[in-house]
């Protein structure tokens, strides 16, 4: 399929799309628009943003077509060699996972607004960006003369892009991989410092999985004037939307900026390559249910911050403050007594990204982080620092992604037990599949590494948490703490 995209109406935020599709002799074609995007496991029904849909033959003669589902259209193309599809898409969502167009920015996540011919998802796609030639394009796809090339629809859907005259670009070499920074928003970070710190935490993450499996990686930073924080992972890139842009070099904002960047980079391995079997491949037309969100989001949340600590980018005080904040969210959510991690993962398709009914569920990010932390320390304790969760992830990556396979909870559990040499039945029964058992695991984990958790109740009844290293710890606790942060 050959697409052209342009800014149709900057004021009202519409992009225009035209697609030329060979029929390959088929009398009927079904054109499918995705219903959701990877990285946010809920139905989004992008078709609600389409207007002015028009389908003709190559000479502009209208063809008969019908909508056969909420986001699929069937076209009568008998005796046609090619059809031409034209429509507009509403692009007024300036976050890290959607589309936004203005007079000076064309920002698109293709999974929102590009269709594919059903049964022909494996075919290549070209996308011509009809924007001024002096505009730069930031995207993980190869581009020449403002044309992007994708090997198949899955790659296109996973390749967001910025086109703008205001992009600021910097890059550096990490091993054999070029790391790119793209800034849109008029403000940039301290590039030398950002490059140095990105190199440090990226090297730790690479060591965990044993390889950095790509030639180029792109950080697409959308800096906004308002307070905002959102990131979305892609195979060879990430989009991160943060604001207010003016605060980029303030310590608190910058540390949060590093944390979300580290989190999204870790997804390069954990979900963009190593993926649950039920999501291999993605089905963009319906829910892709999985109970393993504690692995692909929880473990990523844990390592996003931990690799900043282990690389020396963060000191322990900075990390402890972040972990304490995560524990605050845990202790202030009574859902931990009512719903399991696996059930909450399954229900992201129901209400996973809103607060929902009070006390109904838990977060696959926060409780998943805690579950990963508990497992990591448990392995360190059982092996006296010889092994840790890193080893589980490396083996799971080798046994799944590198063999073209997906993973399961059984595979993850078997690897935890193989690496640690102990049984993880109670961990899965109480932490992963159960509810209400968290506190004893948290206290035991803290004790193993010589930390204490101070919980205070504020006047409004909300709990606050603080983590400190105990003043007096034994030699074993100290050695395990050092193993943990190295």
Protein backbone atom coordinates (compact mmCIF):
# COMPACT_ATOMS: atom_id res chain seq x y z
CA UNK A 1 0.00 0.00 0.00
CA UNK A 2 1.17 3.50 -0.81
CA UNK A 3 0.00 6.26 1.51
CA UNK A 4 0.31 10.03 1.39
CA UNK A 5 -0.37 12.12 4.49
CA UNK A 6 -0.66 15.87 4.85
CA UNK A 7 -2.00 18.55 7.15
CA UNK A 8 -5.59 18.98 5.97
CA UNK A 9 -6.72 21.56 8.55
CA UNK A 10 -4.26 22.79 11.16
CA UNK A 11 -6.82 24.95 12.96
CA UNK A 12 -9.32 22.13 13.47
CA UNK A 13 -6.57 19.51 13.79
CA UNK A 14 -7.23 17.19 10.86
CA UNK A 15 -4.69 15.22 8.85
CA UNK A 16 -5.54 14.03 5.37
CA UNK A 17 -4.67 10.55 4.16
CA UNK A 18 -4.71 9.05 0.66
CA UNK A 19 -3.95 5.40 -0.03
CA UNK A 20 -3.42 3.62 -3.34
CA UNK A 21 -4.14 -0.08 -3.04
CA UNK A 22 -3.68 -2.73 -5.71
CA UNK A 23 -6.60 -5.13 -5.77
CA UNK A 24 -4.55 -8.14 -6.93
CA UNK A 25 -7.63 -9.29 -8.81
CA UNK A 26 -9.89 -9.53 -5.75
CA UNK A 27 -13.54 -8.58 -6.36
CA UNK A 28 -13.89 -7.38 -2.75
CA UNK A 29 -11.42 -5.79 -0.33
CA UNK A 30 -11.88 -5.32 3.39
CA UNK A 31 -10.07 -2.32 4.86
CA UNK A 32 -9.37 -2.52 8.58
CA UNK A 33 -8.49 0.26 11.02
CA UNK A 34 -6.97 -0.84 14.37
CA UNK A 35 -9.16 -0.67 17.47
CA UNK A 36 -6.29 -0.29 19.98
CA UNK A 37 -2.59 0.39 20.17
CA UNK A 38 0.20 -1.67 21.78
CA UNK A 39 1.36 -0.17 25.06
CA UNK A 40 -2.18 0.70 26.13
CA UNK A 41 -4.19 -2.46 26.53
CA UNK A 42 -7.70 -1.11 26.10
CA UNK A 43 -9.99 -0.57 23.13
CA UNK A 44 -9.75 2.99 21.80
CA UNK A 45 -11.98 2.75 18.70
CA UNK A 46 -9.93 5.07 16.52
CA UNK A 47 -12.57 4.93 13.78
CA UNK A 48 -14.56 7.54 15.68
CA UNK A 49 -11.98 10.12 14.51
CA UNK A 50 -12.42 9.48 10.77
CA UNK A 51 -14.44 11.75 8.50
CA UNK A 52 -14.93 12.34 4.76
CA UNK A 53 -14.19 8.73 3.79
CA UNK A 54 -14.20 8.36 0.03
CA UNK A 55 -13.18 5.38 -2.14
CA UNK A 56 -12.75 5.55 -5.91
CA UNK A 57 -11.07 3.74 -8.75
CA UNK A 58 -7.77 5.03 -10.14
CA UNK A 59 -9.64 7.52 -12.36
CA UNK A 60 -11.66 9.02 -9.53
CA UNK A 61 -14.91 7.18 -10.20
CA UNK A 62 -16.67 6.40 -6.89
CA UNK A 63 -16.82 2.75 -5.84
CA UNK A 64 -19.47 1.09 -3.74
CA UNK A 65 -18.40 0.33 -0.18
CA UNK A 66 -20.09 -0.59 3.11
CA UNK A 67 -19.08 -0.46 6.73
CA UNK A 68 -19.29 -4.01 8.06
CA UNK A 69 -18.06 -3.41 11.60
CA UNK A 70 -17.20 -0.40 13.73
CA UNK A 71 -13.78 -0.10 12.05
CA UNK A 72 -13.86 -2.25 8.90
CA UNK A 73 -15.10 -1.32 5.43
CA UNK A 74 -15.78 -3.66 2.49
CA UNK A 75 -15.15 -2.29 -1.01
CA UNK A 76 -16.59 -3.61 -4.27
CA UNK A 77 -13.58 -3.56 -6.59
CA UNK A 78 -14.67 -6.02 -9.28
CA UNK A 79 -12.65 -5.49 -12.49
CA UNK A 80 -10.45 -2.87 -10.79
CA UNK A 81 -6.66 -3.08 -10.63
CA UNK A 82 -6.34 -0.33 -8.04
CA UNK A 83 -8.54 1.59 -5.61
CA UNK A 84 -7.88 4.99 -4.03
CA UNK A 85 -8.86 5.65 -0.46
CA UNK A 86 -9.19 9.19 0.94
CA UNK A 87 -10.21 10.35 4.42
CA UNK A 88 -9.37 12.77 7.22
CA UNK A 89 -8.41 11.93 10.78
CA UNK A 90 -8.94 14.14 13.83
CA UNK A 91 -5.52 14.67 15.43
CA UNK A 92 -5.82 16.76 18.57
CA UNK A 93 -4.34 14.59 21.31
CA UNK A 94 -0.80 15.78 22.16
CA UNK A 95 0.28 12.87 24.33
CA UNK A 96 2.81 10.11 23.79
CA UNK A 97 0.48 7.64 22.11
CA UNK A 98 -1.85 9.50 19.79
CA UNK A 99 -1.82 12.09 16.97
CA UNK A 100 -1.57 15.87 16.92
CA UNK A 101 -1.39 18.36 14.10
CA UNK A 102 -0.82 22.11 14.16
CA UNK A 103 0.57 24.65 11.76
CA UNK A 104 4.13 23.61 12.59
CA UNK A 105 3.83 19.99 13.66
CA UNK A 106 2.61 16.75 12.10
CA UNK A 107 2.76 14.12 14.84
CA UNK A 108 1.21 10.75 14.03
CA UNK A 109 1.00 7.32 15.59
CA UNK A 110 0.12 5.29 12.47
CA UNK A 111 -1.75 2.66 14.46
CA UNK A 112 -4.45 5.29 15.02
CA UNK A 113 -5.18 6.28 11.46
CA UNK A 114 -3.70 3.92 8.84
CA UNK A 115 -5.75 1.06 7.43
CA UNK A 116 -4.63 -2.25 5.98
CA UNK A 117 -6.23 -4.70 3.56
CA UNK A 118 -7.40 -7.70 5.57
CA UNK A 119 -5.23 -10.74 4.87
CA UNK A 120 -2.44 -8.60 3.44
CA UNK A 121 -0.89 -7.31 6.64
CA UNK A 122 2.50 -8.73 5.63
CA UNK A 123 2.76 -6.47 2.57
CA UNK A 124 5.08 -3.47 2.58
CA UNK A 125 3.88 0.10 3.09
CA UNK A 126 5.24 3.44 1.91
CA UNK A 127 4.17 6.73 3.46
CA UNK A 128 4.88 10.00 1.67
CA UNK A 129 4.79 12.98 4.03
CA UNK A 130 3.46 15.97 2.13
CA UNK A 131 5.13 18.68 4.21
CA UNK A 132 7.65 21.41 3.30
CA UNK A 133 11.04 19.99 2.32
CA UNK A 134 12.89 21.96 5.00
CA UNK A 135 10.91 20.14 7.73
CA UNK A 136 12.81 17.37 9.54
CA UNK A 137 11.31 13.95 10.18
CA UNK A 138 11.92 11.92 13.33
CA UNK A 139 10.97 8.25 13.05
CA UNK A 140 12.42 4.78 13.55
CA UNK A 141 11.55 3.92 9.93
CA UNK A 142 14.04 4.65 7.17
CA UNK A 143 13.13 7.87 5.35
CA UNK A 144 14.23 9.35 2.04
CA UNK A 145 12.80 12.49 0.45
CA UNK A 146 10.12 12.56 3.17
CA UNK A 147 9.00 9.01 2.36
CA UNK A 148 8.89 6.32 5.05
CA UNK A 149 9.18 2.62 4.24
CA UNK A 150 7.74 -0.16 6.41
CA UNK A 151 8.17 -3.89 5.81
CA UNK A 152 4.62 -4.69 6.94
CA UNK A 153 1.65 -3.22 8.75
CA UNK A 154 2.89 -4.24 12.18
CA UNK A 155 6.08 -2.24 11.66
CA UNK A 156 4.16 0.75 10.29
CA UNK A 157 1.68 0.68 13.18
CA UNK A 158 4.60 0.69 15.62
CA UNK A 159 6.44 3.66 14.06
CA UNK A 160 5.28 7.09 15.26
CA UNK A 161 6.80 10.15 13.62
CA UNK A 162 7.29 13.87 14.10
CA UNK A 163 7.52 16.19 11.10
CA UNK A 164 8.37 19.76 12.03
CA UNK A 165 10.62 22.72 11.14
CA UNK A 166 11.49 23.06 14.84
CA UNK A 167 12.96 19.65 15.67
CA UNK A 168 16.25 19.62 17.54
CA UNK A 169 18.32 16.49 16.90
CA UNK A 170 21.34 15.03 18.70
CA UNK A 171 22.86 11.54 18.58
CA UNK A 172 25.67 9.46 20.06
CA UNK A 173 27.07 5.98 19.57
CA UNK A 174 26.45 3.25 22.15
CA UNK A 175 28.42 0.14 21.24
CA UNK A 176 27.30 -0.33 17.63
CA UNK A 177 23.95 1.44 18.07
CA UNK A 178 23.24 5.10 17.37
CA UNK A 179 21.03 6.69 20.01
CA UNK A 180 18.99 9.65 18.75
CA UNK A 181 17.36 12.45 20.74
CA UNK A 182 14.62 14.44 18.98
CA UNK A 183 13.14 17.43 20.81
CA UNK A 184 9.91 19.12 19.76
CA UNK A 185 8.65 21.98 21.89
CA UNK A 186 11.25 24.72 21.77
CA UNK A 187 13.20 23.66 24.87
CA UNK A 188 15.88 21.00 25.22
CA UNK A 189 17.66 19.34 28.11
CA UNK A 190 21.38 19.58 28.85
CA UNK A 191 22.33 17.32 25.94
CA UNK A 192 25.84 16.44 27.11
CA UNK A 193 24.53 15.39 30.52
CA UNK A 194 21.55 13.55 29.05
CA UNK A 195 23.76 11.63 26.62
CA UNK A 196 26.22 10.64 29.37
CA UNK A 197 23.47 9.43 31.70
CA UNK A 198 21.52 7.67 28.95
CA UNK A 199 24.70 5.83 28.00
CA UNK A 200 25.16 4.67 31.59
CA UNK A 201 21.71 3.25 32.22
CA UNK A 202 21.43 1.85 28.68
CA UNK A 203 24.64 -0.13 29.19
CA UNK A 204 23.24 -1.69 32.38
CA UNK A 205 20.02 -2.64 30.59
CA UNK A 206 21.96 -4.07 27.65
CA UNK A 207 24.02 -6.20 30.01
CA UNK A 208 20.86 -7.65 31.56
CA UNK A 209 19.59 -8.99 28.22
CA UNK A 210 22.97 -9.66 26.65
CA UNK A 211 22.50 -7.59 23.49
CA UNK A 212 21.34 -4.28 22.07
CA UNK A 213 19.54 -5.72 19.04
CA UNK A 214 19.21 -2.72 16.72
CA UNK A 215 21.26 -0.22 14.73
CA UNK A 216 19.33 2.91 15.73
CA UNK A 217 17.15 3.88 18.69
CA UNK A 218 15.14 7.11 18.77
CA UNK A 219 13.89 9.09 21.77
CA UNK A 220 11.10 11.35 20.46
CA UNK A 221 10.54 14.00 23.14
CA UNK A 222 7.39 16.12 22.91
CA UNK A 223 7.82 18.91 25.44
CA UNK A 224 4.54 20.57 26.39
CA UNK A 225 3.76 23.91 28.08
CA UNK A 226 1.41 22.26 30.60
CA UNK A 227 2.10 19.75 33.35
CA UNK A 228 2.09 16.31 31.78
CA UNK A 229 3.84 12.92 31.88
CA UNK A 230 3.34 10.06 29.41
CA UNK A 231 5.56 7.63 27.53
CA UNK A 232 4.92 4.88 24.99
CA UNK A 233 7.33 2.18 23.85
CA UNK A 234 8.05 1.04 20.31
CA UNK A 235 10.41 -1.49 18.78
CA UNK A 236 13.20 0.95 17.97
CA UNK A 237 11.91 4.16 19.53
CA UNK A 238 9.81 5.79 22.20
CA UNK A 239 7.62 8.88 22.33
CA UNK A 240 7.72 10.76 25.63
CA UNK A 241 5.43 13.72 26.29
CA UNK A 242 6.30 15.83 29.33
CA UNK A 243 5.68 19.27 30.67
CA UNK A 244 5.97 21.98 31.64
CA UNK A 245 8.86 22.28 29.19
CA UNK A 246 10.33 25.24 31.05
CA UNK A 247 11.12 22.92 33.98
CA UNK A 248 13.26 20.50 31.96
CA UNK A 249 16.49 21.29 33.82
CA UNK A 250 14.97 21.53 37.30
CA UNK A 251 16.16 18.55 39.42
CA UNK A 252 12.76 17.04 40.26
CA UNK A 253 11.45 17.32 36.71
CA UNK A 254 14.71 16.12 35.16
CA UNK A 255 14.88 13.05 37.42
CA UNK A 256 11.33 12.18 36.40
CA UNK A 257 12.34 12.75 32.78
CA UNK A 258 15.20 10.25 33.24
CA UNK A 259 12.91 7.76 34.97
CA UNK A 260 10.36 7.64 32.17
CA UNK A 261 13.13 7.50 29.55
CA UNK A 262 14.77 4.56 31.30
CA UNK A 263 11.41 2.79 31.67
CA UNK A 264 10.60 3.14 27.97
CA UNK A 265 14.06 1.99 26.87
CA UNK A 266 13.71 -1.17 28.99
CA UNK A 267 10.57 -1.96 26.99
CA UNK A 268 12.84 -2.33 23.93
CA UNK A 269 13.48 -5.84 25.24
CA UNK A 270 10.55 -6.41 27.60
CA UNK A 271 7.34 -6.41 25.44
CA UNK A 272 8.62 -5.05 22.13
CA UNK A 273 10.71 -8.19 21.64
CA UNK A 274 10.12 -10.56 24.55
CA UNK A 275 6.33 -10.85 24.54
CA UNK A 276 3.56 -13.05 26.02
CA UNK A 277 2.50 -15.85 23.69
CA UNK A 278 -1.06 -14.49 23.53
CA UNK A 279 0.26 -11.24 22.00
CA UNK A 280 2.38 -12.87 19.34
CA UNK A 281 1.36 -11.55 16.91
CA UNK A 282 -0.87 -8.62 17.88
CA UNK A 283 -4.48 -8.70 16.72
CA UNK A 284 -5.41 -5.05 16.23
CA UNK A 285 -9.14 -5.76 15.80
CA UNK A 286 -10.00 -6.88 19.34
CA UNK A 287 -8.78 -7.34 22.89
CA UNK A 288 -5.50 -9.26 23.28
CA UNK A 289 -6.10 -10.49 26.83
CA UNK A 290 -3.11 -11.29 29.00
CA UNK A 291 -2.65 -11.98 32.72
CA UNK A 292 1.05 -11.15 32.50
CA UNK A 293 1.04 -7.37 32.85
CA UNK A 294 3.08 -7.74 36.03
CA UNK A 295 5.92 -8.95 33.75
CA UNK A 296 5.74 -6.58 30.80
CA UNK A 297 4.80 -3.47 32.81
CA UNK A 298 5.64 -4.31 36.42
CA UNK A 299 9.14 -5.63 35.83
CA UNK A 300 9.80 -2.74 33.44
CA UNK A 301 8.70 -0.22 36.08
CA UNK A 302 11.01 -1.87 38.61
CA UNK A 303 14.04 -1.87 36.35
CA UNK A 304 13.39 1.58 34.90
CA UNK A 305 14.33 3.16 38.22
CA UNK A 306 16.68 0.43 39.45
CA UNK A 307 18.99 0.71 36.43
CA UNK A 308 19.30 4.44 37.10
CA UNK A 309 20.56 3.50 40.57
CA UNK A 310 22.79 0.65 39.44
CA UNK A 311 24.37 2.77 36.71
CA UNK A 312 25.22 5.57 39.13
CA UNK A 313 22.91 8.07 37.43
CA UNK A 314 20.84 8.21 40.62
CA UNK A 315 22.18 8.02 44.17
CA UNK A 316 20.40 5.83 46.70
CA UNK A 317 18.51 8.76 48.26
CA UNK A 318 16.94 9.62 44.89
CA UNK A 319 16.01 6.00 44.24
CA UNK A 320 14.65 5.49 47.76
CA UNK A 321 12.40 8.53 47.35
CA UNK A 322 11.01 7.11 44.11
CA UNK A 323 10.46 3.64 45.60
CA UNK A 324 8.79 5.19 48.65
CA UNK A 325 6.42 7.03 46.32
CA UNK A 326 5.50 3.76 44.65
CA UNK A 327 4.88 2.13 48.04
CA UNK A 328 2.66 5.08 48.97
CA UNK A 329 0.45 4.29 46.00
CA UNK A 330 0.36 0.66 47.09
CA UNK A 331 -0.56 1.35 50.72
CA UNK A 332 -3.23 3.90 49.77
CA UNK A 333 -4.98 1.47 47.43
CA UNK A 334 -7.29 -0.92 49.26
CA UNK A 335 -7.69 -2.85 46.03
CA UNK A 336 -4.68 -4.89 47.12
CA UNK A 337 -7.03 -6.77 49.47
CA UNK A 338 -9.61 -7.45 46.76
CA UNK A 339 -8.07 -8.19 43.37
CA UNK A 340 -5.03 -10.03 42.12
CA UNK A 341 -2.29 -8.82 39.82
CA UNK A 342 -3.26 -11.26 37.09
CA UNK A 343 -6.95 -10.29 37.27
CA UNK A 344 -5.99 -6.60 37.13
CA UNK A 345 -3.85 -7.31 34.08
CA UNK A 346 -6.72 -9.04 32.33
CA UNK A 347 -8.97 -6.09 33.16
CA UNK A 348 -6.82 -3.36 31.63
CA UNK A 349 -9.17 -3.92 28.69
CA UNK A 350 -12.06 -3.04 31.01
CA UNK A 351 -10.90 -0.14 33.19
CA UNK A 352 -7.15 -0.42 33.50
CA UNK A 353 -6.27 3.21 32.84
CA UNK A 354 -8.81 5.03 35.01
CA UNK A 355 -9.25 5.01 38.78
CA UNK A 356 -12.38 2.92 38.52
CA UNK A 357 -14.42 1.77 41.50
CA UNK A 358 -12.65 2.53 44.77
CA UNK A 359 -10.68 -0.44 46.08
CA UNK A 360 -11.59 -2.74 43.18
CA UNK A 361 -8.21 -3.47 41.58
CA UNK A 362 -4.45 -2.96 41.72
CA UNK A 363 -1.95 -1.45 39.32
CA UNK A 364 0.11 -3.77 37.13
CA UNK A 365 2.77 -1.04 37.23
CA UNK A 366 3.00 -0.49 40.99
CA UNK A 367 2.16 -3.93 42.35
CA UNK A 368 4.07 -5.43 39.43
CA UNK A 369 7.11 -3.40 40.51
CA UNK A 370 6.78 -4.64 44.08
CA UNK A 371 6.39 -8.24 42.92
CA UNK A 372 9.56 -7.91 40.81
CA UNK A 373 11.46 -6.37 43.74
CA UNK A 374 10.36 -9.20 46.06
CA UNK A 375 11.46 -11.82 43.51
CA UNK A 376 14.79 -10.09 42.83
CA UNK A 377 15.74 -9.93 46.51
CA UNK A 378 14.49 -13.47 47.12
CA UNK A 379 16.84 -14.79 44.43
CA UNK A 380 19.74 -12.74 45.80
CA UNK A 381 19.11 -14.16 49.28
CA UNK A 382 18.80 -17.78 48.10
CA UNK A 383 21.96 -17.60 45.97
CA UNK A 384 23.96 -15.34 48.30
CA UNK A 385 24.23 -12.73 45.58
CA UNK A 386 25.32 -15.10 42.82
CA UNK A 387 22.10 -14.70 40.81
CA UNK A 388 19.16 -12.32 40.60
CA UNK A 389 16.13 -11.43 38.49
CA UNK A 390 18.50 -10.28 35.72
CA UNK A 391 19.37 -13.90 35.06
CA UNK A 392 15.71 -14.88 34.79
CA UNK A 393 15.03 -12.14 32.25
CA UNK A 394 18.11 -12.95 30.19
CA UNK A 395 17.16 -16.62 29.94
CA UNK A 396 13.53 -15.83 29.18
CA UNK A 397 14.65 -13.43 26.45
CA UNK A 398 16.89 -16.11 24.96
CA UNK A 399 14.25 -18.84 25.22
CA UNK A 400 11.39 -16.76 23.82
CA UNK A 401 12.27 -13.79 21.62
CA UNK A 402 15.51 -15.19 20.23
CA UNK A 403 13.67 -18.39 19.25
CA UNK A 404 10.66 -16.55 17.83
CA UNK A 405 8.40 -17.68 20.67
CA UNK A 406 6.20 -16.06 23.28
CA UNK A 407 6.41 -16.72 27.01
CA UNK A 408 3.88 -17.83 29.62
CA UNK A 409 3.51 -17.57 33.38
CA UNK A 410 4.61 -21.20 33.66
CA UNK A 411 7.83 -20.40 31.80
CA UNK A 412 8.50 -17.40 34.05
CA UNK A 413 7.83 -19.39 37.23
CA UNK A 414 10.05 -22.27 36.10
CA UNK A 415 12.90 -19.86 35.41
CA UNK A 416 12.53 -18.19 38.81
CA UNK A 417 12.81 -21.60 40.43
CA UNK A 418 15.65 -22.75 38.21
CA UNK A 419 17.75 -19.65 38.86
CA UNK A 420 17.03 -19.48 42.60
CA UNK A 421 16.89 -23.20 43.38
CA UNK A 422 13.76 -22.77 45.51
CA UNK A 423 10.02 -23.25 45.12
CA UNK A 424 7.97 -20.15 44.16
CA UNK A 425 4.51 -21.68 44.69
CA UNK A 426 3.56 -19.46 47.64
CA UNK A 427 4.86 -16.35 45.83
CA UNK A 428 2.55 -17.01 42.89
CA UNK A 429 -0.38 -18.07 45.06
CA UNK A 430 -0.20 -15.03 47.32
CA UNK A 431 1.47 -12.22 45.36
CA UNK A 432 0.65 -12.92 41.71
CA UNK A 433 -2.67 -14.77 41.91
CA UNK A 434 -3.81 -13.74 45.38
CA UNK A 435 -4.74 -10.60 47.31
CA UNK A 436 -4.01 -9.22 50.76
CA UNK A 437 -0.64 -10.88 51.37
CA UNK A 438 1.65 -8.04 50.32
CA UNK A 439 2.79 -6.62 53.65
CA UNK A 440 4.68 -9.65 54.92
CA UNK A 441 6.60 -9.88 51.64
CA UNK A 442 7.43 -6.18 51.68
CA UNK A 443 8.69 -6.27 55.26
CA UNK A 444 10.77 -9.39 54.64
CA UNK A 445 12.31 -7.84 51.51
CA UNK A 446 13.21 -4.64 53.37
CA UNK A 447 14.74 -6.65 56.20
CA UNK A 448 16.90 -8.73 53.87
CA UNK A 449 18.70 -5.65 52.53
CA UNK A 450 18.80 -3.59 55.71
CA UNK A 451 16.11 -1.05 54.90
CA UNK A 452 13.23 0.27 56.94
CA UNK A 453 9.91 1.66 55.78
CA UNK A 454 8.39 4.51 57.76
CA UNK A 455 4.66 4.97 57.19
CA UNK A 456 2.91 8.10 58.45
CA UNK A 457 -0.74 9.05 58.29
CA UNK A 458 -1.52 12.58 57.17
CA UNK A 459 -4.42 14.66 58.46
CA UNK A 460 -6.51 13.69 55.44
CA UNK A 461 -5.98 10.00 56.17
CA UNK A 462 -3.58 9.47 53.27
CA UNK A 463 -0.47 7.47 54.11
CA UNK A 464 3.03 8.71 53.28
CA UNK A 465 6.10 6.48 53.03
CA UNK A 466 9.80 6.98 53.59
CA UNK A 467 12.59 4.45 53.03
CA UNK A 468 15.84 4.62 54.95
CA UNK A 469 18.86 2.42 55.33
CA UNK A 470 19.04 1.12 58.90
CA UNK A 471 21.85 2.51 60.98
CA UNK A 472 22.80 -0.91 62.26
CA UNK A 473 22.75 -3.82 59.83
CA UNK A 474 24.64 -7.09 59.85
CA UNK A 475 27.26 -8.18 57.35
CA UNK A 476 24.81 -10.34 55.36
CA UNK A 477 22.31 -7.49 55.01
CA UNK A 478 25.03 -5.13 53.88
CA UNK A 479 26.41 -7.56 51.32
CA UNK A 480 22.94 -8.25 49.91
CA UNK A 481 22.29 -4.50 49.70
CA UNK A 482 25.51 -4.05 47.76
CA UNK A 483 24.68 -6.94 45.44
CA UNK A 484 21.26 -5.39 44.84
CA UNK A 485 22.51 -1.94 43.83
CA UNK A 486 25.58 -2.99 41.83
